[in-house]
Amino acid sequence: MSPNVSFADNLRAARARLKLNQTDLGRQVGIGQGAVTKWETGKSTPTVDQLLVIAHALGTTAADLLAGLTLAPPGPSAPGRARIPARTSASKRTSPPRNDPDGPPLITRRPRRHPPVEAA
């Protein structure tokens, strides 16, 4: 791939290789088709957790999906450099994917441990 390929281009190409539409990929990842559209148009980016599930669903790695992406410093984009858009307040956290035995493995977080509360 060329050095100026974006995450959106890599995602679209990986999805096309598997002949998946956006709705199918969304179902495998546990998000809606609209989120996939935003990722492929560069209007938003997935979280790291979502990126790992996407890569697994597409039979690739997160590194391959990010290959060719050059992180630019904040501010106006330099010519020929891709930028990862900042997460905006409009970006909403998606619910975790459902446990589908045929789908990718779920990435779960350990519950927070709170200190014990002493009885008064």
N, C-alpha and C. Protein backbone atom coordinates (compact mmCIF):
# COMPACT_ATOMS: atom_id res chain seq x y z
N MET A 1 0.84 -1.18 0.00
CA MET A 1 0.00 0.00 0.00
C MET A 1 0.88 1.24 0.00
N SER A 2 0.34 2.31 -0.50
CA SER A 2 1.12 3.54 -0.57
C SER A 2 1.30 4.13 0.81
N PRO A 3 2.33 4.98 1.01
CA PRO A 3 2.60 5.51 2.34
C PRO A 3 1.54 6.48 2.85
N ASN A 4 0.65 6.96 2.02
CA ASN A 4 -0.35 7.92 2.45
C ASN A 4 -1.74 7.31 2.59
N VAL A 5 -1.80 6.02 2.82
CA VAL A 5 -3.08 5.34 2.97
C VAL A 5 -3.61 5.62 4.37
N SER A 6 -4.90 5.84 4.48
CA SER A 6 -5.50 6.13 5.77
C SER A 6 -6.13 4.88 6.37
N PHE A 7 -6.46 4.96 7.65
CA PHE A 7 -7.17 3.87 8.31
C PHE A 7 -8.46 3.57 7.56
N ALA A 8 -9.18 4.62 7.15
CA ALA A 8 -10.45 4.44 6.44
C ALA A 8 -10.25 3.61 5.17
N ASP A 9 -9.19 3.92 4.42
CA ASP A 9 -8.91 3.16 3.19
C ASP A 9 -8.58 1.70 3.50
N ASN A 10 -7.76 1.49 4.54
CA ASN A 10 -7.39 0.12 4.92
C ASN A 10 -8.61 -0.67 5.38
N LEU A 11 -9.48 -0.04 6.16
CA LEU A 11 -10.68 -0.70 6.65
C LEU A 11 -11.59 -1.09 5.48
N ARG A 12 -11.79 -0.15 4.57
CA ARG A 12 -12.66 -0.40 3.41
C ARG A 12 -12.11 -1.54 2.56
N ALA A 13 -10.79 -1.54 2.34
CA ALA A 13 -10.17 -2.57 1.51
C ALA A 13 -10.26 -3.95 2.18
N ALA A 14 -10.01 -4.00 3.50
CA ALA A 14 -10.08 -5.28 4.21
C ALA A 14 -11.51 -5.83 4.20
N ARG A 15 -12.49 -4.95 4.36
CA ARG A 15 -13.89 -5.37 4.33
C ARG A 15 -14.26 -5.87 2.94
N ALA A 16 -13.80 -5.17 1.91
CA ALA A 16 -14.12 -5.55 0.53
C ALA A 16 -13.49 -6.91 0.18
N ARG A 17 -12.27 -7.17 0.68
CA ARG A 17 -11.62 -8.46 0.41
C ARG A 17 -12.47 -9.63 0.90
N LEU A 18 -13.17 -9.43 2.01
CA LEU A 18 -14.01 -10.49 2.56
C LEU A 18 -15.44 -10.44 2.02
N LYS A 19 -15.69 -9.48 1.14
CA LYS A 19 -17.02 -9.29 0.55
C LYS A 19 -18.09 -9.10 1.62
N LEU A 20 -17.74 -8.32 2.64
CA LEU A 20 -18.69 -7.97 3.70
C LEU A 20 -19.25 -6.59 3.42
N ASN A 21 -20.53 -6.38 3.71
CA ASN A 21 -21.03 -5.02 3.64
C ASN A 21 -20.87 -4.39 5.02
N GLN A 22 -21.15 -3.10 5.12
CA GLN A 22 -20.95 -2.39 6.38
C GLN A 22 -21.84 -2.94 7.49
N THR A 23 -23.05 -3.34 7.15
CA THR A 23 -23.97 -3.88 8.15
C THR A 23 -23.42 -5.19 8.73
N ASP A 24 -22.90 -6.06 7.87
CA ASP A 24 -22.34 -7.33 8.33
C ASP A 24 -21.16 -7.11 9.27
N LEU A 25 -20.27 -6.19 8.90
CA LEU A 25 -19.12 -5.90 9.75
C LEU A 25 -19.60 -5.31 11.08
N GLY A 26 -20.55 -4.41 11.02
CA GLY A 26 -21.09 -3.83 12.24
C GLY A 26 -21.64 -4.87 13.19
N ARG A 27 -22.37 -5.84 12.64
CA ARG A 27 -22.92 -6.92 13.48
C ARG A 27 -21.81 -7.72 14.14
N GLN A 28 -20.76 -8.03 13.39
CA GLN A 28 -19.66 -8.82 13.94
C GLN A 28 -18.92 -8.06 15.04
N VAL A 29 -18.87 -6.74 14.90
CA VAL A 29 -18.14 -5.92 15.86
C VAL A 29 -19.05 -5.50 17.03
N GLY A 30 -20.36 -5.53 16.82
CA GLY A 30 -21.29 -5.16 17.87
C GLY A 30 -21.65 -3.69 17.86
N ILE A 31 -21.60 -3.08 16.67
CA ILE A 31 -21.96 -1.66 16.52
C ILE A 31 -22.89 -1.54 15.31
N GLY A 32 -23.40 -0.36 15.09
CA GLY A 32 -24.30 -0.13 13.96
C GLY A 32 -23.56 0.16 12.67
N GLN A 33 -24.28 0.03 11.58
CA GLN A 33 -23.71 0.29 10.25
C GLN A 33 -23.26 1.74 10.13
N GLY A 34 -23.94 2.65 10.79
CA GLY A 34 -23.58 4.08 10.72
C GLY A 34 -22.18 4.34 11.25
N ALA A 35 -21.78 3.63 12.29
CA ALA A 35 -20.43 3.81 12.83
C ALA A 35 -19.38 3.34 11.82
N VAL A 36 -19.66 2.23 11.14
CA VAL A 36 -18.72 1.73 10.12
C VAL A 36 -18.59 2.77 9.00
N THR A 37 -19.72 3.36 8.61
CA THR A 37 -19.69 4.40 7.57
C THR A 37 -18.81 5.57 8.00
N LYS A 38 -18.96 6.00 9.25
CA LYS A 38 -18.15 7.12 9.74
C LYS A 38 -16.67 6.77 9.77
N TRP A 39 -16.35 5.52 10.13
CA TRP A 39 -14.94 5.12 10.13
C TRP A 39 -14.38 5.12 8.72
N GLU A 40 -15.18 4.63 7.76
CA GLU A 40 -14.69 4.52 6.38
C GLU A 40 -14.64 5.85 5.66
N THR A 41 -15.36 6.84 6.16
CA THR A 41 -15.29 8.18 5.56
C THR A 41 -14.34 9.09 6.32
N GLY A 42 -13.77 8.58 7.41
CA GLY A 42 -12.81 9.36 8.17
C GLY A 42 -13.45 10.38 9.11
N LYS A 43 -14.77 10.28 9.31
CA LYS A 43 -15.45 11.24 10.19
C LYS A 43 -15.24 10.89 11.66
N SER A 44 -14.92 9.64 11.96
CA SER A 44 -14.61 9.25 13.33
C SER A 44 -13.68 8.05 13.27
N THR A 45 -13.17 7.68 14.41
CA THR A 45 -12.29 6.52 14.51
C THR A 45 -12.76 5.62 15.64
N PRO A 46 -12.50 4.33 15.53
CA PRO A 46 -12.91 3.42 16.60
C PRO A 46 -12.01 3.55 17.82
N THR A 47 -12.51 3.08 18.95
CA THR A 47 -11.67 3.02 20.14
C THR A 47 -10.65 1.90 19.94
N VAL A 48 -9.66 1.85 20.80
CA VAL A 48 -8.65 0.80 20.70
C VAL A 48 -9.31 -0.57 20.85
N ASP A 49 -10.23 -0.70 21.81
CA ASP A 49 -10.93 -1.98 21.98
C ASP A 49 -11.68 -2.37 20.71
N GLN A 50 -12.38 -1.40 20.11
CA GLN A 50 -13.12 -1.68 18.88
C GLN A 50 -12.16 -2.03 17.75
N LEU A 51 -11.03 -1.35 17.67
CA LEU A 51 -10.04 -1.63 16.62
C LEU A 51 -9.58 -3.08 16.68
N LEU A 52 -9.34 -3.59 17.88
CA LEU A 52 -8.90 -4.98 18.02
C LEU A 52 -9.98 -5.96 17.59
N VAL A 53 -11.23 -5.67 17.92
CA VAL A 53 -12.34 -6.55 17.51
C VAL A 53 -12.53 -6.48 15.99
N ILE A 54 -12.42 -5.28 15.42
CA ILE A 54 -12.55 -5.10 13.97
C ILE A 54 -11.48 -5.92 13.25
N ALA A 55 -10.24 -5.80 13.72
CA ALA A 55 -9.13 -6.53 13.09
C ALA A 55 -9.38 -8.03 13.14
N HIS A 56 -9.84 -8.54 14.27
CA HIS A 56 -10.12 -9.97 14.38
C HIS A 56 -11.24 -10.37 13.43
N ALA A 57 -12.30 -9.56 13.36
CA ALA A 57 -13.44 -9.87 12.49
C ALA A 57 -13.01 -9.89 11.02
N LEU A 58 -12.02 -9.08 10.67
CA LEU A 58 -11.56 -9.00 9.28
C LEU A 58 -10.39 -9.94 9.00
N GLY A 59 -9.97 -10.71 10.01
CA GLY A 59 -8.88 -11.66 9.81
C GLY A 59 -7.55 -10.98 9.58
N THR A 60 -7.34 -9.84 10.22
CA THR A 60 -6.10 -9.10 10.06
C THR A 60 -5.66 -8.61 11.44
N THR A 61 -4.70 -7.72 11.48
CA THR A 61 -4.24 -7.16 12.75
C THR A 61 -4.52 -5.66 12.79
N ALA A 62 -4.52 -5.12 13.99
CA ALA A 62 -4.69 -3.68 14.14
C ALA A 62 -3.55 -2.95 13.42
N ALA A 63 -2.36 -3.50 13.48
CA ALA A 63 -1.21 -2.88 12.81
C ALA A 63 -1.44 -2.79 11.31
N ASP A 64 -2.02 -3.84 10.72
CA ASP A 64 -2.29 -3.81 9.28
C ASP A 64 -3.34 -2.75 8.94
N LEU A 65 -4.34 -2.60 9.80
CA LEU A 65 -5.37 -1.59 9.54
C LEU A 65 -4.80 -0.18 9.68
N LEU A 66 -3.78 -0.03 10.52
CA LEU A 66 -3.17 1.29 10.71
C LEU A 66 -1.94 1.50 9.83
N ALA A 67 -1.55 0.49 9.05
CA ALA A 67 -0.35 0.58 8.22
C ALA A 67 -0.41 1.76 7.27
N GLY A 68 0.70 2.45 7.16
CA GLY A 68 0.78 3.58 6.25
C GLY A 68 0.26 4.86 6.84
N LEU A 69 -0.24 4.82 8.04
CA LEU A 69 -0.82 5.99 8.69
C LEU A 69 0.27 6.75 9.42
N THR A 70 0.43 8.01 9.13
CA THR A 70 1.39 8.85 9.80
C THR A 70 0.64 9.78 10.73
N LEU A 71 0.97 9.76 11.99
CA LEU A 71 0.30 10.64 12.93
C LEU A 71 0.86 12.05 12.81
N ALA A 72 -0.01 12.99 12.60
CA ALA A 72 0.39 14.38 12.47
C ALA A 72 0.18 15.09 13.79
N PRO A 73 0.97 16.11 14.08
CA PRO A 73 0.75 16.88 15.30
C PRO A 73 -0.57 17.62 15.22
N PRO A 74 -1.14 18.02 16.37
CA PRO A 74 -2.40 18.76 16.34
C PRO A 74 -2.25 20.04 15.52
N GLY A 75 -3.33 20.47 14.96
CA GLY A 75 -3.30 21.68 14.14
C GLY A 75 -3.59 21.35 12.70
N PRO A 76 -3.32 22.30 11.80
CA PRO A 76 -3.60 22.05 10.38
C PRO A 76 -2.80 20.85 9.87
N SER A 77 -3.44 20.06 9.04
CA SER A 77 -2.78 18.89 8.49
C SER A 77 -1.65 19.30 7.55
N ALA A 78 -0.54 18.61 7.71
CA ALA A 78 0.56 18.82 6.78
C ALA A 78 0.21 18.09 5.49
N PRO A 79 0.61 18.62 4.33
CA PRO A 79 0.29 17.94 3.08
C PRO A 79 0.89 16.53 3.05
N GLY A 80 0.07 15.58 2.59
CA GLY A 80 0.56 14.23 2.43
C GLY A 80 0.61 13.43 3.71
N ARG A 81 0.05 13.96 4.78
CA ARG A 81 0.07 13.23 6.05
C ARG A 81 -1.36 13.00 6.51
N ALA A 82 -1.63 11.78 6.90
CA ALA A 82 -2.97 11.45 7.40
C ALA A 82 -3.06 11.83 8.86
N ARG A 83 -4.24 12.20 9.29
CA ARG A 83 -4.46 12.51 10.70
C ARG A 83 -5.56 11.63 11.23
N ILE A 84 -5.44 11.26 12.47
CA ILE A 84 -6.52 10.56 13.14
C ILE A 84 -7.34 11.64 13.83
N PRO A 85 -8.62 11.78 13.46
CA PRO A 85 -9.42 12.84 14.06
C PRO A 85 -9.58 12.62 15.56
N ALA A 86 -9.61 13.72 16.28
CA ALA A 86 -9.81 13.65 17.73
C ALA A 86 -11.23 13.18 18.01
N ARG A 87 -11.39 12.51 19.11
CA ARG A 87 -12.72 12.05 19.51
C ARG A 87 -13.51 13.27 19.96
N THR A 88 -14.69 13.42 19.41
CA THR A 88 -15.51 14.57 19.75
C THR A 88 -16.58 14.18 20.75
N SER A 89 -17.23 15.18 21.30
CA SER A 89 -18.28 14.90 22.27
C SER A 89 -19.45 14.18 21.61
N ALA A 90 -19.57 14.31 20.28
CA ALA A 90 -20.65 13.64 19.56
C ALA A 90 -20.40 12.13 19.48
N SER A 91 -19.13 11.73 19.64
CA SER A 91 -18.83 10.29 19.61
C SER A 91 -19.40 9.66 20.86
N LYS A 92 -20.13 8.58 20.67
CA LYS A 92 -20.74 7.91 21.81
C LYS A 92 -20.10 6.56 21.98
N ARG A 93 -19.99 6.14 23.21
CA ARG A 93 -19.50 4.80 23.48
C ARG A 93 -20.56 3.81 23.04
N THR A 94 -20.14 2.78 22.41
CA THR A 94 -21.09 1.77 21.98
C THR A 94 -21.19 0.69 23.04
N SER A 95 -22.28 -0.01 23.04
CA SER A 95 -22.42 -1.10 23.99
C SER A 95 -21.48 -2.22 23.57
N PRO A 96 -21.05 -3.03 24.52
CA PRO A 96 -20.12 -4.11 24.17
C PRO A 96 -20.80 -5.11 23.25
N PRO A 97 -20.03 -5.75 22.38
CA PRO A 97 -20.62 -6.73 21.47
C PRO A 97 -21.24 -7.89 22.25
N ARG A 98 -22.27 -8.44 21.68
CA ARG A 98 -22.93 -9.58 22.31
C ARG A 98 -22.05 -10.82 22.17
N ASN A 99 -22.21 -11.74 23.08
CA ASN A 99 -21.41 -12.95 23.05
C ASN A 99 -21.93 -13.87 21.95
N ASP A 100 -21.27 -13.85 20.81
CA ASP A 100 -21.66 -14.64 19.65
C ASP A 100 -20.61 -15.73 19.46
N PRO A 101 -20.97 -17.00 19.58
CA PRO A 101 -19.97 -18.06 19.46
C PRO A 101 -19.29 -18.09 18.10
N ASP A 102 -19.93 -17.57 17.06
CA ASP A 102 -19.31 -17.57 15.73
C ASP A 102 -18.55 -16.28 15.46
N GLY A 103 -18.69 -15.30 16.31
CA GLY A 103 -18.05 -14.01 16.11
C GLY A 103 -16.69 -13.95 16.78
N PRO A 104 -16.07 -12.77 16.73
CA PRO A 104 -14.75 -12.61 17.34
C PRO A 104 -14.87 -12.69 18.86
N PRO A 105 -13.77 -13.00 19.53
CA PRO A 105 -13.83 -13.06 20.98
C PRO A 105 -14.07 -11.67 21.56
N LEU A 106 -14.75 -11.65 22.67
CA LEU A 106 -15.03 -10.38 23.31
C LEU A 106 -13.81 -9.90 24.09
N ILE A 107 -13.63 -8.61 24.08
CA ILE A 107 -12.58 -8.00 24.88
C ILE A 107 -13.28 -7.45 26.11
N THR A 108 -12.95 -7.98 27.25
CA THR A 108 -13.63 -7.53 28.46
C THR A 108 -12.62 -6.88 29.39
N ARG A 109 -13.11 -6.06 30.24
CA ARG A 109 -12.27 -5.40 31.23
C ARG A 109 -12.56 -6.00 32.58
N ARG A 110 -11.53 -6.07 33.39
CA ARG A 110 -11.73 -6.55 34.75
C ARG A 110 -12.50 -5.50 35.53
N PRO A 111 -13.42 -5.92 36.40
CA PRO A 111 -14.15 -4.94 37.19
C PRO A 111 -13.22 -4.21 38.14
N ARG A 112 -13.54 -2.98 38.40
CA ARG A 112 -12.73 -2.20 39.34
C ARG A 112 -12.92 -2.76 40.74
N ARG A 113 -11.85 -2.78 41.46
CA ARG A 113 -11.93 -3.23 42.85
C ARG A 113 -11.97 -1.99 43.74
N HIS A 114 -13.01 -1.92 44.51
CA HIS A 114 -13.15 -0.80 45.43
C HIS A 114 -12.70 -1.26 46.82
N PRO A 115 -12.13 -0.35 47.59
CA PRO A 115 -11.70 -0.76 48.93
C PRO A 115 -12.93 -1.14 49.76
N PRO A 116 -12.76 -2.07 50.67
CA PRO A 116 -13.90 -2.50 51.49
C PRO A 116 -14.41 -1.34 52.35
N VAL A 117 -15.71 -1.33 52.51
CA VAL A 117 -16.32 -0.30 53.34
C VAL A 117 -16.42 -0.84 54.75
N GLU A 118 -15.87 -0.09 55.69
CA GLU A 118 -15.91 -0.55 57.08
C GLU A 118 -17.25 -0.19 57.71
N ALA A 119 -17.78 -1.13 58.45
CA ALA A 119 -19.06 -0.90 59.11
C ALA A 119 -18.87 0.10 60.25
N ALA A 120 -19.88 0.92 60.46
CA ALA A 120 -19.78 1.95 61.51
C ALA A 120 -20.15 1.41 62.87
